[in-house]
PDB file of all heavy atoms in Angstrom:
ATOM      1  N   MET A   1       2.831 -17.665   0.555  1.00  0.00           N
ATOM      2  CA  MET A   1       3.878 -16.875  -0.133  1.00  0.00           C
ATOM      3  C   MET A   1       3.291 -16.007  -1.237  1.00  0.00           C
ATOM      4  O   MET A   1       3.867 -15.872  -2.323  1.00  0.00           O
ATOM      5  CB  MET A   1       4.970 -17.804  -0.668  1.00  0.00           C
ATOM      6  CG  MET A   1       5.660 -18.605   0.424  1.00  0.00           C
ATOM      7  SD  MET A   1       6.747 -19.918  -0.176  1.00  0.00           S
ATOM      8  CE  MET A   1       7.960 -19.004  -1.111  1.00  0.00           C
ATOM      9  N   ARG A   2       2.149 -15.389  -0.948  1.00  0.00           N
ATOM     10  CA  ARG A   2       1.442 -14.612  -1.961  1.00  0.00           C
ATOM     11  C   ARG A   2       1.871 -13.147  -1.982  1.00  0.00           C
ATOM     12  O   ARG A   2       2.254 -12.569  -0.964  1.00  0.00           O
ATOM     13  CB  ARG A   2      -0.065 -14.678  -1.728  1.00  0.00           C
ATOM     14  CG  ARG A   2      -0.672 -16.033  -2.059  1.00  0.00           C
ATOM     15  CD  ARG A   2      -0.483 -16.344  -3.545  1.00  0.00           C
ATOM     16  NE  ARG A   2      -1.134 -17.562  -3.971  1.00  0.00           N
ATOM     17  CZ  ARG A   2      -0.511 -18.707  -4.198  1.00  0.00           C
ATOM     18  NH1 ARG A   2       0.786 -18.804  -4.004  1.00  0.00           N
ATOM     19  NH2 ARG A   2      -1.177 -19.766  -4.619  1.00  0.00           N
ATOM     20  N   SER A   3       1.760 -12.544  -3.170  1.00  0.00           N
ATOM     21  CA  SER A   3       1.875 -11.100  -3.330  1.00  0.00           C
ATOM     22  C   SER A   3       0.565 -10.459  -2.903  1.00  0.00           C
ATOM     23  O   SER A   3      -0.499 -11.065  -3.083  1.00  0.00           O
ATOM     24  CB  SER A   3       2.152 -10.758  -4.797  1.00  0.00           C
ATOM     25  OG  SER A   3       1.853  -9.397  -5.070  1.00  0.00           O
ATOM     26  N   PRO A   4       0.591  -9.237  -2.354  1.00  0.00           N
ATOM     27  CA  PRO A   4      -0.672  -8.572  -2.024  1.00  0.00           C
ATOM     28  C   PRO A   4      -1.388  -7.999  -3.242  1.00  0.00           C
ATOM     29  O   PRO A   4      -2.531  -7.563  -3.134  1.00  0.00           O
ATOM     30  CB  PRO A   4      -0.230  -7.453  -1.077  1.00  0.00           C
ATOM     31  CG  PRO A   4       1.169  -7.142  -1.501  1.00  0.00           C
ATOM     32  CD  PRO A   4       1.760  -8.454  -1.915  1.00  0.00           C
ATOM     33  N   HIS A   5      -0.707  -7.997  -4.394  1.00  0.00           N
ATOM     34  CA  HIS A   5      -1.275  -7.432  -5.619  1.00  0.00           C
ATOM     35  C   HIS A   5      -1.500  -8.518  -6.672  1.00  0.00           C
ATOM     36  O   HIS A   5      -0.722  -9.466  -6.781  1.00  0.00           O
ATOM     37  CB  HIS A   5      -0.335  -6.383  -6.227  1.00  0.00           C
ATOM     38  CG  HIS A   5      -0.345  -5.068  -5.514  1.00  0.00           C
ATOM     39  ND1 HIS A   5      -1.420  -4.220  -5.534  1.00  0.00           N
ATOM     40  CD2 HIS A   5       0.608  -4.444  -4.784  1.00  0.00           C
ATOM     41  CE1 HIS A   5      -1.136  -3.126  -4.833  1.00  0.00           C
ATOM     42  NE2 HIS A   5       0.081  -3.238  -4.360  1.00  0.00           N
ATOM     43  N   THR A   6      -2.545  -8.336  -7.469  1.00  0.00           N
ATOM     44  CA  THR A   6      -2.707  -9.129  -8.685  1.00  0.00           C
ATOM     45  C   THR A   6      -1.784  -8.560  -9.756  1.00  0.00           C
ATOM     46  O   THR A   6      -1.210  -7.475  -9.606  1.00  0.00           O
ATOM     47  CB  THR A   6      -4.162  -9.083  -9.167  1.00  0.00           C
ATOM     48  OG1 THR A   6      -4.517  -7.704  -9.413  1.00  0.00           O
ATOM     49  CG2 THR A   6      -5.106  -9.675  -8.141  1.00  0.00           C
ATOM     50  N   PHE A   7      -1.648  -9.274 -10.864  1.00  0.00           N
ATOM     51  CA  PHE A   7      -0.750  -8.810 -11.928  1.00  0.00           C
ATOM     52  C   PHE A   7      -1.152  -7.445 -12.481  1.00  0.00           C
ATOM     53  O   PHE A   7      -0.307  -6.675 -12.935  1.00  0.00           O
ATOM     54  CB  PHE A   7      -0.700  -9.829 -13.074  1.00  0.00           C
ATOM     55  CG  PHE A   7       0.074 -11.071 -12.745  1.00  0.00           C
ATOM     56  CD1 PHE A   7      -0.497 -12.326 -12.939  1.00  0.00           C
ATOM     57  CD2 PHE A   7       1.354 -11.009 -12.248  1.00  0.00           C
ATOM     58  CE1 PHE A   7       0.200 -13.491 -12.648  1.00  0.00           C
ATOM     59  CE2 PHE A   7       2.075 -12.165 -11.952  1.00  0.00           C
ATOM     60  CZ  PHE A   7       1.494 -13.404 -12.155  1.00  0.00           C
ATOM     61  N   ASP A   8      -2.434  -7.124 -12.439  1.00  0.00           N
ATOM     62  CA  ASP A   8      -2.873  -5.830 -12.958  1.00  0.00           C
ATOM     63  C   ASP A   8      -2.822  -4.729 -11.897  1.00  0.00           C
ATOM     64  O   ASP A   8      -3.311  -3.615 -12.109  1.00  0.00           O
ATOM     65  CB  ASP A   8      -4.284  -5.916 -13.552  1.00  0.00           C
ATOM     66  CG  ASP A   8      -5.347  -6.323 -12.531  1.00  0.00           C
ATOM     67  OD1 ASP A   8      -5.003  -6.477 -11.336  1.00  0.00           O
ATOM     68  OD2 ASP A   8      -6.512  -6.495 -12.924  1.00  0.00           O
ATOM     69  N   GLY A   9      -2.223  -5.043 -10.731  1.00  0.00           N
ATOM     70  CA  GLY A   9      -1.995  -4.022  -9.722  1.00  0.00           C
ATOM     71  C   GLY A   9      -3.069  -3.889  -8.668  1.00  0.00           C
ATOM     72  O   GLY A   9      -2.946  -3.048  -7.761  1.00  0.00           O
ATOM     73  N   ARG A  10      -4.153  -4.682  -8.750  1.00  0.00           N
ATOM     74  CA  ARG A  10      -5.201  -4.580  -7.742  1.00  0.00           C
ATOM     75  C   ARG A  10      -4.723  -5.170  -6.413  1.00  0.00           C
ATOM     76  O   ARG A  10      -4.082  -6.215  -6.381  1.00  0.00           O
ATOM     77  CB  ARG A  10      -6.469  -5.311  -8.200  1.00  0.00           C
ATOM     78  CG  ARG A  10      -7.232  -4.613  -9.317  1.00  0.00           C
ATOM     79  CD  ARG A  10      -8.518  -5.359  -9.666  1.00  0.00           C
ATOM     80  NE  ARG A  10      -8.242  -6.682 -10.223  1.00  0.00           N
ATOM     81  CZ  ARG A  10      -8.482  -7.824  -9.580  1.00  0.00           C
ATOM     82  NH1 ARG A  10      -9.016  -7.790  -8.379  1.00  0.00           N
ATOM     83  NH2 ARG A  10      -8.214  -8.988 -10.158  1.00  0.00           N
ATOM     84  N   LEU A  11      -5.071  -4.466  -5.324  1.00  0.00           N
ATOM     85  CA  LEU A  11      -4.735  -4.924  -3.986  1.00  0.00           C
ATOM     86  C   LEU A  11      -5.796  -5.909  -3.506  1.00  0.00           C
ATOM     87  O   LEU A  11      -6.982  -5.725  -3.785  1.00  0.00           O
ATOM     88  CB  LEU A  11      -4.659  -3.724  -3.040  1.00  0.00           C
ATOM     89  CG  LEU A  11      -4.147  -3.966  -1.622  1.00  0.00           C
ATOM     90  CD1 LEU A  11      -2.700  -4.443  -1.639  1.00  0.00           C
ATOM     91  CD2 LEU A  11      -4.248  -2.670  -0.806  1.00  0.00           C
ATOM     92  N   PHE A  12      -5.370  -6.943  -2.784  1.00  0.00           N
ATOM     93  CA  PHE A  12      -6.328  -7.955  -2.330  1.00  0.00           C
ATOM     94  C   PHE A  12      -7.353  -7.372  -1.379  1.00  0.00           C
ATOM     95  O   PHE A  12      -8.474  -7.874  -1.286  1.00  0.00           O
ATOM     96  CB  PHE A  12      -5.594  -9.107  -1.641  1.00  0.00           C
ATOM     97  CG  PHE A  12      -5.130  -8.797  -0.237  1.00  0.00           C
ATOM     98  CD1 PHE A  12      -5.953  -9.057   0.845  1.00  0.00           C
ATOM     99  CD2 PHE A  12      -3.877  -8.247   0.003  1.00  0.00           C
ATOM    100  CE1 PHE A  12      -5.543  -8.780   2.138  1.00  0.00           C
ATOM    101  CE2 PHE A  12      -3.458  -7.960   1.288  1.00  0.00           C
ATOM    102  CZ  PHE A  12      -4.291  -8.218   2.359  1.00  0.00           C
ATOM    103  N   ASP A  13      -6.985  -6.337  -0.652  1.00  0.00           N
ATOM    104  CA  ASP A  13      -7.870  -5.739   0.343  1.00  0.00           C
ATOM    105  C   ASP A  13      -8.946  -4.924  -0.356  1.00  0.00           C
ATOM    106  O   ASP A  13      -8.655  -4.028  -1.151  1.00  0.00           O
ATOM    107  CB  ASP A  13      -7.043  -4.836   1.268  1.00  0.00           C
ATOM    108  CG  ASP A  13      -7.828  -4.376   2.487  1.00  0.00           C
ATOM    109  OD1 ASP A  13      -9.066  -4.441   2.450  1.00  0.00           O
ATOM    110  OD2 ASP A  13      -7.195  -3.954   3.461  1.00  0.00           O
ATOM    111  N   ALA A  14     -10.185  -5.207  -0.044  1.00  0.00           N
ATOM    112  CA  ALA A  14     -11.287  -4.477  -0.678  1.00  0.00           C
ATOM    113  C   ALA A  14     -11.251  -2.991  -0.321  1.00  0.00           C
ATOM    114  O   ALA A  14     -11.714  -2.146  -1.089  1.00  0.00           O
ATOM    115  CB  ALA A  14     -12.627  -5.077  -0.243  1.00  0.00           C
ATOM    116  N   ASP A  15     -10.687  -2.663   0.842  1.00  0.00           N
ATOM    117  CA  ASP A  15     -10.564  -1.272   1.257  1.00  0.00           C
ATOM    118  C   ASP A  15      -9.199  -0.748   0.811  1.00  0.00           C
ATOM    119  O   ASP A  15      -8.324  -0.453   1.614  1.00  0.00           O
ATOM    120  CB  ASP A  15     -10.716  -1.166   2.782  1.00  0.00           C
ATOM    121  CG  ASP A  15     -10.755   0.279   3.263  1.00  0.00           C
ATOM    122  OD1 ASP A  15     -11.056   1.157   2.442  1.00  0.00           O
ATOM    123  OD2 ASP A  15     -10.474   0.509   4.449  1.00  0.00           O
ATOM    124  N   ASP A  16      -9.028  -0.645  -0.487  1.00  0.00           N
ATOM    125  CA  ASP A  16      -7.739  -0.271  -1.078  1.00  0.00           C
ATOM    126  C   ASP A  16      -7.514   1.235  -0.912  1.00  0.00           C
ATOM    127  O   ASP A  16      -8.179   2.053  -1.531  1.00  0.00           O
ATOM    128  CB  ASP A  16      -7.721  -0.651  -2.563  1.00  0.00           C
ATOM    129  CG  ASP A  16      -6.350  -0.389  -3.205  1.00  0.00           C
ATOM    130  OD1 ASP A  16      -5.487   0.227  -2.557  1.00  0.00           O
ATOM    131  OD2 ASP A  16      -6.169  -0.812  -4.366  1.00  0.00           O
ATOM    132  N   LYS A  17      -6.529   1.581  -0.062  1.00  0.00           N
ATOM    133  CA  LYS A  17      -6.206   2.990   0.148  1.00  0.00           C
ATOM    134  C   LYS A  17      -4.795   3.285  -0.339  1.00  0.00           C
ATOM    135  O   LYS A  17      -4.010   3.962   0.316  1.00  0.00           O
ATOM    136  CB  LYS A  17      -6.375   3.359   1.616  1.00  0.00           C
ATOM    137  CG  LYS A  17      -7.833   3.309   2.077  1.00  0.00           C
ATOM    138  CD  LYS A  17      -8.028   3.983   3.414  1.00  0.00           C
ATOM    139  CE  LYS A  17      -9.499   4.000   3.794  1.00  0.00           C
ATOM    140  NZ  LYS A  17      -9.748   4.668   5.092  1.00  0.00           N
ATOM    141  N   THR A  18      -4.475   2.758  -1.515  1.00  0.00           N
ATOM    142  CA  THR A  18      -3.190   3.045  -2.121  1.00  0.00           C
ATOM    143  C   THR A  18      -3.084   4.546  -2.391  1.00  0.00           C
ATOM    144  O   THR A  18      -4.012   5.165  -2.901  1.00  0.00           O
ATOM    145  CB  THR A  18      -3.031   2.264  -3.440  1.00  0.00           C
ATOM    146  OG1 THR A  18      -3.151   0.859  -3.154  1.00  0.00           O
ATOM    147  CG2 THR A  18      -1.683   2.538  -4.075  1.00  0.00           C
ATOM    148  N   LEU A  19      -1.924   5.117  -2.055  1.00  0.00           N
ATOM    149  CA  LEU A  19      -1.732   6.554  -2.230  1.00  0.00           C
ATOM    150  C   LEU A  19      -1.361   6.877  -3.670  1.00  0.00           C
ATOM    151  O   LEU A  19      -0.475   6.235  -4.241  1.00  0.00           O
ATOM    152  CB  LEU A  19      -0.613   7.053  -1.309  1.00  0.00           C
ATOM    153  CG  LEU A  19      -0.889   7.010   0.188  1.00  0.00           C
ATOM    154  CD1 LEU A  19       0.390   7.350   0.952  1.00  0.00           C
ATOM    155  CD2 LEU A  19      -1.985   7.981   0.557  1.00  0.00           C
ATOM    156  N   PRO A  20      -1.989   7.867  -4.278  1.00  0.00           N
ATOM    157  CA  PRO A  20      -1.539   8.323  -5.595  1.00  0.00           C
ATOM    158  C   PRO A  20      -0.123   8.884  -5.498  1.00  0.00           C
ATOM    159  O   PRO A  20       0.242   9.505  -4.496  1.00  0.00           O
ATOM    160  CB  PRO A  20      -2.546   9.425  -5.958  1.00  0.00           C
ATOM    161  CG  PRO A  20      -3.701   9.234  -5.041  1.00  0.00           C
ATOM    162  CD  PRO A  20      -3.165   8.614  -3.796  1.00  0.00           C
ATOM    163  N   VAL A  21       0.689   8.660  -6.507  1.00  0.00           N
ATOM    164  CA  VAL A  21       2.043   9.194  -6.524  1.00  0.00           C
ATOM    165  C   VAL A  21       1.970  10.712  -6.436  1.00  0.00           C
ATOM    166  O   VAL A  21       1.206  11.359  -7.141  1.00  0.00           O
ATOM    167  CB  VAL A  21       2.785   8.760  -7.806  1.00  0.00           C
ATOM    168  CG1 VAL A  21       4.146   9.454  -7.898  1.00  0.00           C
ATOM    169  CG2 VAL A  21       2.959   7.247  -7.809  1.00  0.00           C
ATOM    170  N   GLY A  22       2.774  11.281  -5.534  1.00  0.00           N
ATOM    171  CA  GLY A  22       2.766  12.721  -5.348  1.00  0.00           C
ATOM    172  C   GLY A  22       1.894  13.201  -4.212  1.00  0.00           C
ATOM    173  O   GLY A  22       1.863  14.398  -3.910  1.00  0.00           O
ATOM    174  N   SER A  23       1.190  12.272  -3.527  1.00  0.00           N
ATOM    175  CA  SER A  23       0.366  12.675  -2.388  1.00  0.00           C
ATOM    176  C   SER A  23       1.254  13.219  -1.277  1.00  0.00           C
ATOM    177  O   SER A  23       2.246  12.598  -0.906  1.00  0.00           O
ATOM    178  CB  SER A  23      -0.427  11.480  -1.844  1.00  0.00           C
ATOM    179  OG  SER A  23      -1.336  11.001  -2.805  1.00  0.00           O
ATOM    180  N   ARG A  24       0.884  14.363  -0.747  1.00  0.00           N
ATOM    181  CA  ARG A  24       1.685  14.983   0.309  1.00  0.00           C
ATOM    182  C   ARG A  24       1.111  14.639   1.676  1.00  0.00           C
ATOM    183  O   ARG A  24       0.689  15.502   2.435  1.00  0.00           O
ATOM    184  CB  ARG A  24       1.762  16.500   0.086  1.00  0.00           C
ATOM    185  CG  ARG A  24       2.573  16.901  -1.158  1.00  0.00           C
ATOM    186  CD  ARG A  24       3.997  16.373  -1.062  1.00  0.00           C
ATOM    187  NE  ARG A  24       4.777  16.670  -2.242  1.00  0.00           N
ATOM    188  CZ  ARG A  24       5.563  17.766  -2.372  1.00  0.00           C
ATOM    189  NH1 ARG A  24       5.598  18.666  -1.421  1.00  0.00           N
ATOM    190  NH2 ARG A  24       6.276  17.943  -3.459  1.00  0.00           N
ATOM    191  N   THR A  25       1.051  13.347   1.964  1.00  0.00           N
ATOM    192  CA  THR A  25       0.563  12.898   3.264  1.00  0.00           C
ATOM    193  C   THR A  25       1.737  12.370   4.083  1.00  0.00           C
ATOM    194  O   THR A  25       2.785  12.012   3.544  1.00  0.00           O
ATOM    195  CB  THR A  25      -0.484  11.792   3.101  1.00  0.00           C
ATOM    196  OG1 THR A  25       0.108  10.682   2.420  1.00  0.00           O
ATOM    197  CG2 THR A  25      -1.689  12.295   2.327  1.00  0.00           C
ATOM    198  N   THR A  26       1.537  12.321   5.395  1.00  0.00           N
ATOM    199  CA  THR A  26       2.565  11.821   6.297  1.00  0.00           C
ATOM    200  C   THR A  26       1.973  10.738   7.184  1.00  0.00           C
ATOM    201  O   THR A  26       0.788  10.429   7.122  1.00  0.00           O
ATOM    202  CB  THR A  26       3.124  12.962   7.173  1.00  0.00           C
ATOM    203  OG1 THR A  26       2.082  13.424   8.048  1.00  0.00           O
ATOM    204  CG2 THR A  26       3.619  14.120   6.317  1.00  0.00           C
ATOM    205  N   MET A  27       2.816  10.187   8.049  1.00  0.00           N
ATOM    206  CA  MET A  27       2.355   9.133   8.948  1.00  0.00           C
ATOM    207  C   MET A  27       1.222   9.611   9.849  1.00  0.00           C
ATOM    208  O   MET A  27       0.370   8.816  10.256  1.00  0.00           O
ATOM    209  CB  MET A  27       3.521   8.633   9.793  1.00  0.00           C
ATOM    210  CG  MET A  27       4.523   7.820   9.009  1.00  0.00           C
ATOM    211  SD  MET A  27       5.780   7.074  10.068  1.00  0.00           S
ATOM    212  CE  MET A  27       6.923   8.433  10.241  1.00  0.00           C
ATOM    213  N   ALA A  28       1.202  10.900  10.166  1.00  0.00           N
ATOM    214  CA  ALA A  28       0.154  11.431  11.043  1.00  0.00           C
ATOM    215  C   ALA A  28      -1.228  11.305  10.420  1.00  0.00           C
ATOM    216  O   ALA A  28      -2.235  11.258  11.127  1.00  0.00           O
ATOM    217  CB  ALA A  28       0.442  12.899  11.361  1.00  0.00           C
ATOM    218  N   GLU A  29      -1.284  11.226   9.078  1.00  0.00           N
ATOM    219  CA  GLU A  29      -2.583  11.098   8.400  1.00  0.00           C
ATOM    220  C   GLU A  29      -2.962   9.647   8.134  1.00  0.00           C
ATOM    221  O   GLU A  29      -3.960   9.371   7.468  1.00  0.00           O
ATOM    222  CB  GLU A  29      -2.571  11.851   7.064  1.00  0.00           C
ATOM    223  CG  GLU A  29      -2.573  13.370   7.182  1.00  0.00           C
ATOM    224  CD  GLU A  29      -1.198  13.938   7.426  1.00  0.00           C
ATOM    225  OE1 GLU A  29      -0.297  13.696   6.603  1.00  0.00           O
ATOM    226  OE2 GLU A  29      -1.019  14.617   8.440  1.00  0.00           O
ATOM    227  N   GLU A  30      -2.188   8.715   8.659  1.00  0.00           N
ATOM    228  CA  GLU A  30      -2.458   7.285   8.434  1.00  0.00           C
ATOM    229  C   GLU A  30      -3.717   6.892   9.203  1.00  0.00           C
ATOM    230  O   GLU A  30      -3.707   6.763  10.429  1.00  0.00           O
ATOM    231  CB  GLU A  30      -1.275   6.454   8.914  1.00  0.00           C
ATOM    232  CG  GLU A  30      -1.411   4.961   8.659  1.00  0.00           C
ATOM    233  CD  GLU A  30      -1.133   4.588   7.216  1.00  0.00           C
ATOM    234  OE1 GLU A  30       0.024   4.553   6.813  1.00  0.00           O
ATOM    235  OE2 GLU A  30      -2.114   4.327   6.502  1.00  0.00           O
ATOM    236  N   ASP A  31      -4.830   6.733   8.485  1.00  0.00           N
ATOM    237  CA  ASP A  31      -6.091   6.377   9.138  1.00  0.00           C
ATOM    238  C   ASP A  31      -6.501   4.938   8.861  1.00  0.00           C
ATOM    239  O   ASP A  31      -7.611   4.525   9.160  1.00  0.00           O
ATOM    240  CB  ASP A  31      -7.206   7.332   8.703  1.00  0.00           C
ATOM    241  CG  ASP A  31      -7.461   7.288   7.196  1.00  0.00           C
ATOM    242  OD1 ASP A  31      -6.718   6.592   6.485  1.00  0.00           O
ATOM    243  OD2 ASP A  31      -8.396   7.967   6.741  1.00  0.00           O
ATOM    244  N   THR A  32      -5.613   4.172   8.274  1.00  0.00           N
ATOM    245  CA  THR A  32      -5.902   2.778   7.986  1.00  0.00           C
ATOM    246  C   THR A  32      -4.637   1.970   8.208  1.00  0.00           C
ATOM    247  O   THR A  32      -3.538   2.513   8.238  1.00  0.00           O
ATOM    248  CB  THR A  32      -6.382   2.604   6.529  1.00  0.00           C
ATOM    249  OG1 THR A  32      -6.775   1.241   6.324  1.00  0.00           O
ATOM    250  CG2 THR A  32      -5.280   2.925   5.538  1.00  0.00           C
ATOM    251  N   GLN A  33      -4.768   0.676   8.417  1.00  0.00           N
ATOM    252  CA  GLN A  33      -3.605  -0.193   8.485  1.00  0.00           C
ATOM    253  C   GLN A  33      -3.364  -0.751   7.092  1.00  0.00           C
ATOM    254  O   GLN A  33      -4.043  -1.683   6.659  1.00  0.00           O
ATOM    255  CB  GLN A  33      -3.806  -1.321   9.487  1.00  0.00           C
ATOM    256  CG  GLN A  33      -2.668  -2.339   9.524  1.00  0.00           C
ATOM    257  CD  GLN A  33      -1.324  -1.715   9.843  1.00  0.00           C
ATOM    258  OE1 GLN A  33      -1.021  -1.411  10.990  1.00  0.00           O
ATOM    259  NE2 GLN A  33      -0.480  -1.510   8.839  1.00  0.00           N
ATOM    260  N   TYR A  34      -2.424  -0.136   6.361  1.00  0.00           N
ATOM    261  CA  TYR A  34      -2.133  -0.617   5.013  1.00  0.00           C
ATOM    262  C   TYR A  34      -1.510  -2.001   5.119  1.00  0.00           C
ATOM    263  O   TYR A  34      -0.710  -2.256   6.028  1.00  0.00           O
ATOM    264  CB  TYR A  34      -1.184   0.361   4.311  1.00  0.00           C
ATOM    265  CG  TYR A  34      -1.229   0.271   2.818  1.00  0.00           C
ATOM    266  CD1 TYR A  34      -2.391   0.570   2.125  1.00  0.00           C
ATOM    267  CD2 TYR A  34      -0.105  -0.102   2.094  1.00  0.00           C
ATOM    268  CE1 TYR A  34      -2.436   0.489   0.752  1.00  0.00           C
ATOM    269  CE2 TYR A  34      -0.137  -0.180   0.710  1.00  0.00           C
ATOM    270  CZ  TYR A  34      -1.304   0.111   0.044  1.00  0.00           C
ATOM    271  OH  TYR A  34      -1.346   0.030  -1.326  1.00  0.00           O
ATOM    272  N   PRO A  35      -1.845  -2.918   4.220  1.00  0.00           N
ATOM    273  CA  PRO A  35      -1.513  -4.326   4.464  1.00  0.00           C
ATOM    274  C   PRO A  35      -0.083  -4.751   4.124  1.00  0.00           C
ATOM    275  O   PRO A  35       0.220  -5.934   4.254  1.00  0.00           O
ATOM    276  CB  PRO A  35      -2.526  -5.065   3.579  1.00  0.00           C
ATOM    277  CG  PRO A  35      -2.804  -4.124   2.454  1.00  0.00           C
ATOM    278  CD  PRO A  35      -2.765  -2.758   3.076  1.00  0.00           C
ATOM    279  N   TYR A  36       0.754  -3.833   3.691  1.00  0.00           N
ATOM    280  CA  TYR A  36       2.130  -4.275   3.433  1.00  0.00           C
ATOM    281  C   TYR A  36       3.117  -3.131   3.544  1.00  0.00           C
ATOM    282  O   TYR A  36       2.765  -1.953   3.474  1.00  0.00           O
ATOM    283  CB  TYR A  36       2.265  -4.961   2.070  1.00  0.00           C
ATOM    284  CG  TYR A  36       2.091  -4.066   0.849  1.00  0.00           C
ATOM    285  CD1 TYR A  36       3.141  -3.286   0.368  1.00  0.00           C
ATOM    286  CD2 TYR A  36       0.888  -4.044   0.142  1.00  0.00           C
ATOM    287  CE1 TYR A  36       2.990  -2.492  -0.767  1.00  0.00           C
ATOM    288  CE2 TYR A  36       0.727  -3.251  -0.983  1.00  0.00           C
ATOM    289  CZ  TYR A  36       1.783  -2.479  -1.440  1.00  0.00           C
ATOM    290  OH  TYR A  36       1.637  -1.692  -2.548  1.00  0.00           O
ATOM    291  N   ALA A  37       4.370  -3.539   3.731  1.00  0.00           N
ATOM    292  CA  ALA A  37       5.514  -2.634   3.698  1.00  0.00           C
ATOM    293  C   ALA A  37       6.478  -3.193   2.653  1.00  0.00           C
ATOM    294  O   ALA A  37       6.059  -3.906   1.736  1.00  0.00           O
ATOM    295  CB  ALA A  37       6.147  -2.542   5.082  1.00  0.00           C
ATOM    296  N   TYR A  38       7.775  -2.892   2.809  1.00  0.00           N
ATOM    297  CA  TYR A  38       8.757  -3.350   1.827  1.00  0.00           C
ATOM    298  C   TYR A  38       9.975  -3.940   2.526  1.00  0.00           C
ATOM    299  O   TYR A  38      10.326  -3.576   3.645  1.00  0.00           O
ATOM    300  CB  TYR A  38       9.233  -2.190   0.946  1.00  0.00           C
ATOM    301  CG  TYR A  38       8.146  -1.435   0.241  1.00  0.00           C
ATOM    302  CD1 TYR A  38       7.785  -0.154   0.653  1.00  0.00           C
ATOM    303  CD2 TYR A  38       7.467  -1.988  -0.843  1.00  0.00           C
ATOM    304  CE1 TYR A  38       6.787   0.557   0.007  1.00  0.00           C
ATOM    305  CE2 TYR A  38       6.464  -1.289  -1.498  1.00  0.00           C
ATOM    306  CZ  TYR A  38       6.124  -0.016  -1.060  1.00  0.00           C
ATOM    307  OH  TYR A  38       5.125   0.681  -1.697  1.00  0.00           O
ATOM    308  N   HIS A  39      10.632  -4.845   1.801  1.00  0.00           N
ATOM    309  CA  HIS A  39      12.019  -5.209   2.054  1.00  0.00           C
ATOM    310  C   HIS A  39      12.828  -4.617   0.902  1.00  0.00           C
ATOM    311  O   HIS A  39      12.400  -4.694  -0.254  1.00  0.00           O
ATOM    312  CB  HIS A  39      12.240  -6.723   2.032  1.00  0.00           C
ATOM    313  CG  HIS A  39      11.379  -7.505   2.965  1.00  0.00           C
ATOM    314  ND1 HIS A  39      10.426  -8.412   2.522  1.00  0.00           N
ATOM    315  CD2 HIS A  39      11.322  -7.538   4.318  1.00  0.00           C
ATOM    316  CE1 HIS A  39       9.839  -8.976   3.563  1.00  0.00           C
ATOM    317  NE2 HIS A  39      10.352  -8.459   4.669  1.00  0.00           N
ATOM    318  N   PHE A  40      13.980  -4.040   1.199  1.00  0.00           N
ATOM    319  CA  PHE A  40      14.836  -3.555   0.113  1.00  0.00           C
ATOM    320  C   PHE A  40      16.289  -3.540   0.557  1.00  0.00           C
ATOM    321  O   PHE A  40      16.598  -3.604   1.753  1.00  0.00           O
ATOM    322  CB  PHE A  40      14.400  -2.160  -0.374  1.00  0.00           C
ATOM    323  CG  PHE A  40      14.255  -1.109   0.692  1.00  0.00           C
ATOM    324  CD1 PHE A  40      15.377  -0.565   1.321  1.00  0.00           C
ATOM    325  CD2 PHE A  40      13.012  -0.642   1.066  1.00  0.00           C
ATOM    326  CE1 PHE A  40      15.253   0.406   2.297  1.00  0.00           C
ATOM    327  CE2 PHE A  40      12.868   0.337   2.038  1.00  0.00           C
ATOM    328  CZ  PHE A  40      14.000   0.862   2.657  1.00  0.00           C
ATOM    329  N   ASP A  41      17.171  -3.464  -0.410  1.00  0.00           N
ATOM    330  CA  ASP A  41      18.600  -3.336  -0.159  1.00  0.00           C
ATOM    331  C   ASP A  41      18.868  -1.872   0.182  1.00  0.00           C
ATOM    332  O   ASP A  41      18.722  -0.985  -0.662  1.00  0.00           O
ATOM    333  CB  ASP A  41      19.391  -3.767  -1.395  1.00  0.00           C
ATOM    334  CG  ASP A  41      20.895  -3.792  -1.159  1.00  0.00           C
ATOM    335  OD1 ASP A  41      21.416  -2.802  -0.623  1.00  0.00           O
ATOM    336  OD2 ASP A  41      21.539  -4.782  -1.540  1.00  0.00           O
ATOM    337  N   ALA A  42      19.245  -1.589   1.421  1.00  0.00           N
ATOM    338  CA  ALA A  42      19.400  -0.213   1.884  1.00  0.00           C
ATOM    339  C   ALA A  42      20.479   0.526   1.095  1.00  0.00           C
ATOM    340  O   ALA A  42      20.336   1.715   0.803  1.00  0.00           O
ATOM    341  CB  ALA A  42      19.718  -0.200   3.377  1.00  0.00           C
TER     342      ALA A  42
END
């Protein structure tokens, strides 16, 4: 039941490809399997 992030925001995956806010990329540019998605109240 772990979070993928440490408290300081580091991702557990050494190949951290977190997108900077404002990046204009789309799914077509997805060249890695990012290790998480989200659950949210729609």
